[in-house]
Amino acid sequence: AAFPYQWIVNNLALATGASGSLDVADGGFFSTRI
């Protein structure tokens, strides 16, 4: 998996294009985790 994951690191903005669906730390500390 090394070579493709190296590509991910080098193209992080494109590779994480769907990460908004995670709602990472979107809102209060407790409310997001709940």
All heavy atoms as atom14 arrays in JSON, in Angstrom:
{
  "sequence": "AAFPYQWIVNNLALATGASGSLDVADGGFFSTRI",
  "atom14_mask": [
    [1, 1, 1, 1, 1, 0, 0, 0, 0, 0, 0, 0, 0, 0],
    [1, 1, 1, 1, 1, 0, 0, 0, 0, 0, 0, 0, 0, 0],
    [1, 1, 1, 1, 1, 1, 1, 1, 1, 1, 1, 0, 0, 0],
    [1, 1, 1, 1, 1, 1, 1, 0, 0, 0, 0, 0, 0, 0],
    [1, 1, 1, 1, 1, 1, 1, 1, 1, 1, 1, 1, 0, 0],
    [1, 1, 1, 1, 1, 1, 1, 1, 1, 0, 0, 0, 0, 0],
    [1, 1, 1, 1, 1, 1, 1, 1, 1, 1, 1, 1, 1, 1],
    [1, 1, 1, 1, 1, 1, 1, 1, 0, 0, 0, 0, 0, 0],
    [1, 1, 1, 1, 1, 1, 1, 0, 0, 0, 0, 0, 0, 0],
    [1, 1, 1, 1, 1, 1, 1, 1, 0, 0, 0, 0, 0, 0],
    [1, 1, 1, 1, 1, 1, 1, 1, 0, 0, 0, 0, 0, 0],
    [1, 1, 1, 1, 1, 1, 1, 1, 0, 0, 0, 0, 0, 0],
    [1, 1, 1, 1, 1, 0, 0, 0, 0, 0, 0, 0, 0, 0],
    [1, 1, 1, 1, 1, 1, 1, 1, 0, 0, 0, 0, 0, 0],
    [1, 1, 1, 1, 1, 0, 0, 0, 0, 0, 0, 0, 0, 0],
    [1, 1, 1, 1, 1, 1, 1, 0, 0, 0, 0, 0, 0, 0],
    [1, 1, 1, 1, 0, 0, 0, 0, 0, 0, 0, 0, 0, 0],
    [1, 1, 1, 1, 1, 0, 0, 0, 0, 0, 0, 0, 0, 0],
    [1, 1, 1, 1, 1, 1, 0, 0, 0, 0, 0, 0, 0, 0],
    [1, 1, 1, 1, 0, 0, 0, 0, 0, 0, 0, 0, 0, 0],
    [1, 1, 1, 1, 1, 1, 0, 0, 0, 0, 0, 0, 0, 0],
    [1, 1, 1, 1, 1, 1, 1, 1, 0, 0, 0, 0, 0, 0],
    [1, 1, 1, 1, 1, 1, 1, 1, 0, 0, 0, 0, 0, 0],
    [1, 1, 1, 1, 1, 1, 1, 0, 0, 0, 0, 0, 0, 0],
    [1, 1, 1, 1, 1, 0, 0, 0, 0, 0, 0, 0, 0, 0],
    [1, 1, 1, 1, 1, 1, 1, 1, 0, 0, 0, 0, 0, 0],
    [1, 1, 1, 1, 0, 0, 0, 0, 0, 0, 0, 0, 0, 0],
    [1, 1, 1, 1, 0, 0, 0, 0, 0, 0, 0, 0, 0, 0],
    [1, 1, 1, 1, 1, 1, 1, 1, 1, 1, 1, 0, 0, 0],
    [1, 1, 1, 1, 1, 1, 1, 1, 1, 1, 1, 0, 0, 0],
    [1, 1, 1, 1, 1, 1, 0, 0, 0, 0, 0, 0, 0, 0],
    [1, 1, 1, 1, 1, 1, 1, 0, 0, 0, 0, 0, 0, 0],
    [1, 1, 1, 1, 1, 1, 1, 1, 1, 1, 1, 0, 0, 0],
    [1, 1, 1, 1, 1, 1, 1, 1, 0, 0, 0, 0, 0, 0]
  ],
  "atom14_positions": [
    [[0.81, -1.23, 0.0], [0.0, 0.0, 0.0], [0.84, 1.27, 0.0], [0.28, 2.37, -0.1], [-0.93, 0.0, 1.22], [0.0, 0.0, 0.0], [0.0, 0.0, 0.0], [0.0, 0.0, 0.0], [0.0, 0.0, 0.0], [0.0, 0.0, 0.0], [0.0, 0.0, 0.0], [0.0, 0.0, 0.0], [0.0, 0.0, 0.0], [0.0, 0.0, 0.0]],
    [[2.16, 1.16, 0.09], [3.01, 2.33, 0.32], [2.89, 3.37, -0.79], [2.71, 4.57, -0.51], [4.46, 1.88, 0.48], [0.0, 0.0, 0.0], [0.0, 0.0, 0.0], [0.0, 0.0, 0.0], [0.0, 0.0, 0.0], [0.0, 0.0, 0.0], [0.0, 0.0, 0.0], [0.0, 0.0, 0.0], [0.0, 0.0, 0.0], [0.0, 0.0, 0.0]],
    [[3.01, 2.95, -2.05], [3.04, 3.93, -3.14], [1.73, 4.7, -3.25], [1.73, 5.93, -3.32], [3.39, 3.23, -4.45], [3.56, 4.17, -5.62], [4.24, 5.36, -5.48], [3.02, 3.84, -6.86], [4.4, 6.23, -6.56], [3.16, 4.7, -7.94], [3.85, 5.9, -7.78], [0.0, 0.0, 0.0], [0.0, 0.0, 0.0], [0.0, 0.0, 0.0]],
    [[0.56, 4.04, -3.28], [-0.69, 4.8, -3.31], [-0.88, 5.71, -2.11], [-1.39, 6.83, -2.24], [-1.77, 3.7, -3.35], [-1.08, 2.54, -3.99], [0.31, 2.59, -3.46], [0.0, 0.0, 0.0], [0.0, 0.0, 0.0], [0.0, 0.0, 0.0], [0.0, 0.0, 0.0], [0.0, 0.0, 0.0], [0.0, 0.0, 0.0], [0.0, 0.0, 0.0]],
    [[-0.46, 5.27, -0.94], [-0.63, 6.13, 0.24], [0.35, 7.29, 0.22], [0.06, 8.36, 0.78], [-0.5, 5.3, 1.52], [-1.8, 4.6, 1.88], [-2.2, 3.43, 1.22], [-2.65, 5.11, 2.85], [-3.38, 2.8, 1.52], [-3.84, 4.47, 3.17], [-4.2, 3.32, 2.49], [-5.39, 2.69, 2.79], [0.0, 0.0, 0.0], [0.0, 0.0, 0.0]],
    [[1.48, 7.11, -0.41], [2.39, 8.24, -0.61], [1.73, 9.27, -1.53], [1.84, 10.48, -1.31], [3.71, 7.77, -1.2], [4.72, 8.91, -1.4], [6.0, 8.43, -2.07], [6.03, 7.34, -2.64], [7.03, 9.24, -2.01], [0.0, 0.0, 0.0], [0.0, 0.0, 0.0], [0.0, 0.0, 0.0], [0.0, 0.0, 0.0], [0.0, 0.0, 0.0]],
    [[1.01, 8.79, -2.55], [0.28, 9.7, -3.44], [-0.76, 10.47, -2.64], [-0.97, 11.67, -2.88], [-0.4, 8.9, -4.55], [-1.16, 9.75, -5.52], [-0.7, 10.28, -6.68], [-2.52, 10.18, -5.4], [-1.68, 11.03, -7.29], [-2.82, 10.98, -6.53], [-3.52, 9.99, -4.45], [-4.06, 11.57, -6.72], [-4.77, 10.58, -4.64], [-5.02, 11.37, -5.77]],
    [[-1.42, 9.81, -1.71], [-2.43, 10.48, -0.88], [-1.8, 11.62, -0.1], [-2.33, 12.73, -0.04], [-3.09, 9.46, 0.08], [-3.94, 8.47, -0.71], [-3.94, 10.18, 1.13], [-4.43, 7.31, 0.12], [0.0, 0.0, 0.0], [0.0, 0.0, 0.0], [0.0, 0.0, 0.0], [0.0, 0.0, 0.0], [0.0, 0.0, 0.0], [0.0, 0.0, 0.0]],
    [[-0.65, 11.36, 0.5], [0.04, 12.41, 1.27], [0.42, 13.58, 0.37], [0.28, 14.75, 0.76], [1.29, 11.82, 1.95], [2.12, 12.92, 2.6], [0.88, 10.77, 2.99], [0.0, 0.0, 0.0], [0.0, 0.0, 0.0], [0.0, 0.0, 0.0], [0.0, 0.0, 0.0], [0.0, 0.0, 0.0], [0.0, 0.0, 0.0], [0.0, 0.0, 0.0]],
    [[0.86, 13.29, -0.84], [1.3, 14.34, -1.76], [0.13, 15.08, -2.41], [0.32, 16.16, -2.97], [2.19, 13.76, -2.86], [3.49, 13.21, -2.32], [3.95, 13.62, -1.25], [4.08, 12.26, -3.03], [0.0, 0.0, 0.0], [0.0, 0.0, 0.0], [0.0, 0.0, 0.0], [0.0, 0.0, 0.0], [0.0, 0.0, 0.0], [0.0, 0.0, 0.0]],
    [[-1.08, 14.48, -2.37], [-2.27, 15.1, -2.98], [-3.41, 15.1, -1.96], [-4.52, 14.66, -2.24], [-2.69, 14.33, -4.23], [-1.61, 14.33, -5.29], [-1.56, 15.2, -6.15], [-0.75, 13.32, -5.26], [0.0, 0.0, 0.0], [0.0, 0.0, 0.0], [0.0, 0.0, 0.0], [0.0, 0.0, 0.0], [0.0, 0.0, 0.0], [0.0, 0.0, 0.0]],
    [[-3.12, 15.63, -0.79], [-4.04, 15.49, 0.34], [-5.38, 16.16, 0.09], [-6.43, 15.62, 0.45], [-3.39, 16.07, 1.6], [-3.95, 15.58, 2.94], [-3.88, 14.07, 3.03], [-3.2, 16.22, 4.1], [0.0, 0.0, 0.0], [0.0, 0.0, 0.0], [0.0, 0.0, 0.0], [0.0, 0.0, 0.0], [0.0, 0.0, 0.0], [0.0, 0.0, 0.0]],
    [[-5.37, 17.34, -0.52], [-6.63, 18.05, -0.75], [-7.57, 17.26, -1.64], [-8.77, 17.15, -1.38], [-6.35, 19.42, -1.36], [0.0, 0.0, 0.0], [0.0, 0.0, 0.0], [0.0, 0.0, 0.0], [0.0, 0.0, 0.0], [0.0, 0.0, 0.0], [0.0, 0.0, 0.0], [0.0, 0.0, 0.0], [0.0, 0.0, 0.0], [0.0, 0.0, 0.0]],
    [[-7.03, 16.68, -2.71], [-7.85, 15.88, -3.62], [-8.26, 14.55, -2.99], [-9.4, 14.11, -3.11], [-7.09, 15.62, -4.92], [-7.81, 14.79, -6.0], [-9.12, 15.45, -6.41], [-6.9, 14.6, -7.2], [0.0, 0.0, 0.0], [0.0, 0.0, 0.0], [0.0, 0.0, 0.0], [0.0, 0.0, 0.0], [0.0, 0.0, 0.0], [0.0, 0.0, 0.0]],
    [[-7.32, 13.92, -2.28], [-7.58, 12.6, -1.7], [-8.59, 12.65, -0.56], [-9.25, 11.66, -0.27], [-6.28, 11.98, -1.2], [0.0, 0.0, 0.0], [0.0, 0.0, 0.0], [0.0, 0.0, 0.0], [0.0, 0.0, 0.0], [0.0, 0.0, 0.0], [0.0, 0.0, 0.0], [0.0, 0.0, 0.0], [0.0, 0.0, 0.0], [0.0, 0.0, 0.0]],
    [[-8.71, 13.79, 0.1], [-9.66, 13.91, 1.22], [-10.87, 14.72, 0.81], [-11.54, 15.33, 1.65], [-8.99, 14.57, 2.44], [-8.49, 15.86, 2.06], [-7.84, 13.72, 2.95], [0.0, 0.0, 0.0], [0.0, 0.0, 0.0], [0.0, 0.0, 0.0], [0.0, 0.0, 0.0], [0.0, 0.0, 0.0], [0.0, 0.0, 0.0], [0.0, 0.0, 0.0]],
    [[-11.2, 14.67, -0.47], [-12.31, 15.48, -0.97], [-13.65, 15.14, -0.36], [-14.56, 15.96, -0.35], [0.0, 0.0, 0.0], [0.0, 0.0, 0.0], [0.0, 0.0, 0.0], [0.0, 0.0, 0.0], [0.0, 0.0, 0.0], [0.0, 0.0, 0.0], [0.0, 0.0, 0.0], [0.0, 0.0, 0.0], [0.0, 0.0, 0.0], [0.0, 0.0, 0.0]],
    [[-13.82, 13.92, 0.18], [-15.09, 13.53, 0.79], [-15.04, 13.56, 2.3], [-15.97, 13.14, 2.96], [-15.47, 12.12, 0.33], [0.0, 0.0, 0.0], [0.0, 0.0, 0.0], [0.0, 0.0, 0.0], [0.0, 0.0, 0.0], [0.0, 0.0, 0.0], [0.0, 0.0, 0.0], [0.0, 0.0, 0.0], [0.0, 0.0, 0.0], [0.0, 0.0, 0.0]],
    [[-13.95, 14.08, 2.9], [-13.81, 14.02, 4.34], [-14.8, 14.89, 5.07], [-15.03, 14.72, 6.26], [-12.39, 14.41, 4.75], [-12.12, 15.75, 4.37], [0.0, 0.0, 0.0], [0.0, 0.0, 0.0], [0.0, 0.0, 0.0], [0.0, 0.0, 0.0], [0.0, 0.0, 0.0], [0.0, 0.0, 0.0], [0.0, 0.0, 0.0], [0.0, 0.0, 0.0]],
    [[-15.42, 15.83, 4.37], [-16.43, 16.66, 5.02], [-17.6, 15.86, 5.54], [-18.29, 16.27, 6.47], [0.0, 0.0, 0.0], [0.0, 0.0, 0.0], [0.0, 0.0, 0.0], [0.0, 0.0, 0.0], [0.0, 0.0, 0.0], [0.0, 0.0, 0.0], [0.0, 0.0, 0.0], [0.0, 0.0, 0.0], [0.0, 0.0, 0.0], [0.0, 0.0, 0.0]],
    [[-17.83, 14.68, 4.95], [-18.93, 13.85, 5.42], [-18.67, 13.27, 6.79], [-19.58, 12.75, 7.43], [-19.17, 12.7, 4.43], [-18.02, 11.89, 4.31], [0.0, 0.0, 0.0], [0.0, 0.0, 0.0], [0.0, 0.0, 0.0], [0.0, 0.0, 0.0], [0.0, 0.0, 0.0], [0.0, 0.0, 0.0], [0.0, 0.0, 0.0], [0.0, 0.0, 0.0]],
    [[-17.41, 13.36, 7.26], [-17.11, 12.87, 8.59], [-17.58, 13.83, 9.68], [-17.76, 13.43, 10.82], [-15.59, 12.67, 8.75], [-14.94, 11.58, 7.89], [-13.43, 11.69, 8.01], [-15.4, 10.22, 8.33], [0.0, 0.0, 0.0], [0.0, 0.0, 0.0], [0.0, 0.0, 0.0], [0.0, 0.0, 0.0], [0.0, 0.0, 0.0], [0.0, 0.0, 0.0]],
    [[-17.77, 15.1, 9.33], [-18.09, 16.13, 10.32], [-17.08, 16.11, 11.46], [-17.42, 16.07, 12.63], [-19.5, 15.94, 10.88], [-20.57, 16.33, 9.89], [-20.23, 17.02, 8.93], [-21.73, 15.94, 10.09], [0.0, 0.0, 0.0], [0.0, 0.0, 0.0], [0.0, 0.0, 0.0], [0.0, 0.0, 0.0], [0.0, 0.0, 0.0], [0.0, 0.0, 0.0]],
    [[-15.8, 16.1, 11.13], [-14.75, 16.06, 12.14], [-14.72, 17.38, 12.9], [-14.56, 18.45, 12.33], [-13.37, 15.78, 11.49], [-12.3, 15.79, 12.55], [-13.41, 14.46, 10.76], [0.0, 0.0, 0.0], [0.0, 0.0, 0.0], [0.0, 0.0, 0.0], [0.0, 0.0, 0.0], [0.0, 0.0, 0.0], [0.0, 0.0, 0.0], [0.0, 0.0, 0.0]],
    [[-14.9, 17.27, 14.23], [-14.86, 18.43, 15.12], [-15.76, 19.56, 14.64], [-15.43, 20.72, 14.74], [-13.42, 18.92, 15.27], [0.0, 0.0, 0.0], [0.0, 0.0, 0.0], [0.0, 0.0, 0.0], [0.0, 0.0, 0.0], [0.0, 0.0, 0.0], [0.0, 0.0, 0.0], [0.0, 0.0, 0.0], [0.0, 0.0, 0.0], [0.0, 0.0, 0.0]],
    [[-16.9, 19.21, 14.08], [-17.85, 20.19, 13.6], [-18.9, 20.41, 14.68], [-19.85, 19.65, 14.81], [-18.5, 19.7, 12.3], [-19.45, 20.74, 11.71], [-19.36, 21.91, 12.13], [-20.29, 20.35, 10.87], [0.0, 0.0, 0.0], [0.0, 0.0, 0.0], [0.0, 0.0, 0.0], [0.0, 0.0, 0.0], [0.0, 0.0, 0.0], [0.0, 0.0, 0.0]],
    [[-18.74, 21.46, 15.48], [-19.65, 21.69, 16.59], [-18.91, 21.59, 17.9], [-17.69, 21.61, 17.97], [0.0, 0.0, 0.0], [0.0, 0.0, 0.0], [0.0, 0.0, 0.0], [0.0, 0.0, 0.0], [0.0, 0.0, 0.0], [0.0, 0.0, 0.0], [0.0, 0.0, 0.0], [0.0, 0.0, 0.0], [0.0, 0.0, 0.0], [0.0, 0.0, 0.0]],
    [[-19.67, 21.46, 18.99], [-19.08, 21.39, 20.3], [-18.34, 20.08, 20.53], [-18.59, 19.07, 19.87], [0.0, 0.0, 0.0], [0.0, 0.0, 0.0], [0.0, 0.0, 0.0], [0.0, 0.0, 0.0], [0.0, 0.0, 0.0], [0.0, 0.0, 0.0], [0.0, 0.0, 0.0], [0.0, 0.0, 0.0], [0.0, 0.0, 0.0], [0.0, 0.0, 0.0]],
    [[-17.43, 20.1, 21.49], [-16.61, 18.92, 21.79], [-17.48, 17.72, 22.11], [-17.3, 16.63, 21.55], [-15.67, 19.23, 22.95], [-14.75, 18.1, 23.32], [-13.52, 17.98, 22.72], [-15.13, 17.15, 24.27], [-12.67, 16.93, 23.05], [-14.29, 16.1, 24.6], [-13.06, 15.99, 24.0], [0.0, 0.0, 0.0], [0.0, 0.0, 0.0], [0.0, 0.0, 0.0]],
    [[-18.42, 17.88, 23.02], [-19.25, 16.76, 23.44], [-20.37, 16.45, 22.45], [-20.69, 15.3, 22.2], [-19.83, 17.04, 24.83], [-18.8, 17.04, 25.92], [-18.38, 18.24, 26.49], [-18.22, 15.86, 26.37], [-17.42, 18.25, 27.48], [-17.26, 15.87, 27.36], [-16.85, 17.06, 27.93], [0.0, 0.0, 0.0], [0.0, 0.0, 0.0], [0.0, 0.0, 0.0]],
    [[-20.97, 17.49, 21.89], [-22.12, 17.27, 21.0], [-21.71, 16.49, 19.76], [-22.46, 15.63, 19.28], [-22.76, 18.6, 20.62], [-21.84, 19.42, 19.91], [0.0, 0.0, 0.0], [0.0, 0.0, 0.0], [0.0, 0.0, 0.0], [0.0, 0.0, 0.0], [0.0, 0.0, 0.0], [0.0, 0.0, 0.0], [0.0, 0.0, 0.0], [0.0, 0.0, 0.0]],
    [[-20.52, 16.79, 19.21], [-20.06, 16.08, 18.02], [-19.85, 14.6, 18.31], [-20.26, 13.73, 17.54], [-18.74, 16.7, 17.51], [-18.96, 18.06, 17.17], [-18.23, 15.96, 16.29], [0.0, 0.0, 0.0], [0.0, 0.0, 0.0], [0.0, 0.0, 0.0], [0.0, 0.0, 0.0], [0.0, 0.0, 0.0], [0.0, 0.0, 0.0], [0.0, 0.0, 0.0]],
    [[-19.22, 14.32, 19.44], [-18.94, 12.91, 19.78], [-20.21, 12.15, 20.16], [-20.36, 10.98, 19.81], [-17.92, 12.87, 20.93], [-16.51, 13.24, 20.44], [-15.59, 13.7, 21.54], [-14.24, 13.93, 21.01], [-13.89, 15.05, 20.37], [-14.79, 16.02, 20.18], [-12.65, 15.19, 19.93], [0.0, 0.0, 0.0], [0.0, 0.0, 0.0], [0.0, 0.0, 0.0]],
    [[-21.13, 12.82, 20.82], [-22.41, 12.18, 21.14], [-23.17, 11.87, 19.86], [-23.76, 10.8, 19.69], [-23.24, 13.06, 22.08], [-22.58, 13.11, 23.46], [-24.67, 12.54, 22.2], [-23.22, 14.09, 24.41], [0.0, 0.0, 0.0], [0.0, 0.0, 0.0], [0.0, 0.0, 0.0], [0.0, 0.0, 0.0], [0.0, 0.0, 0.0], [0.0, 0.0, 0.0]]
  ]
}
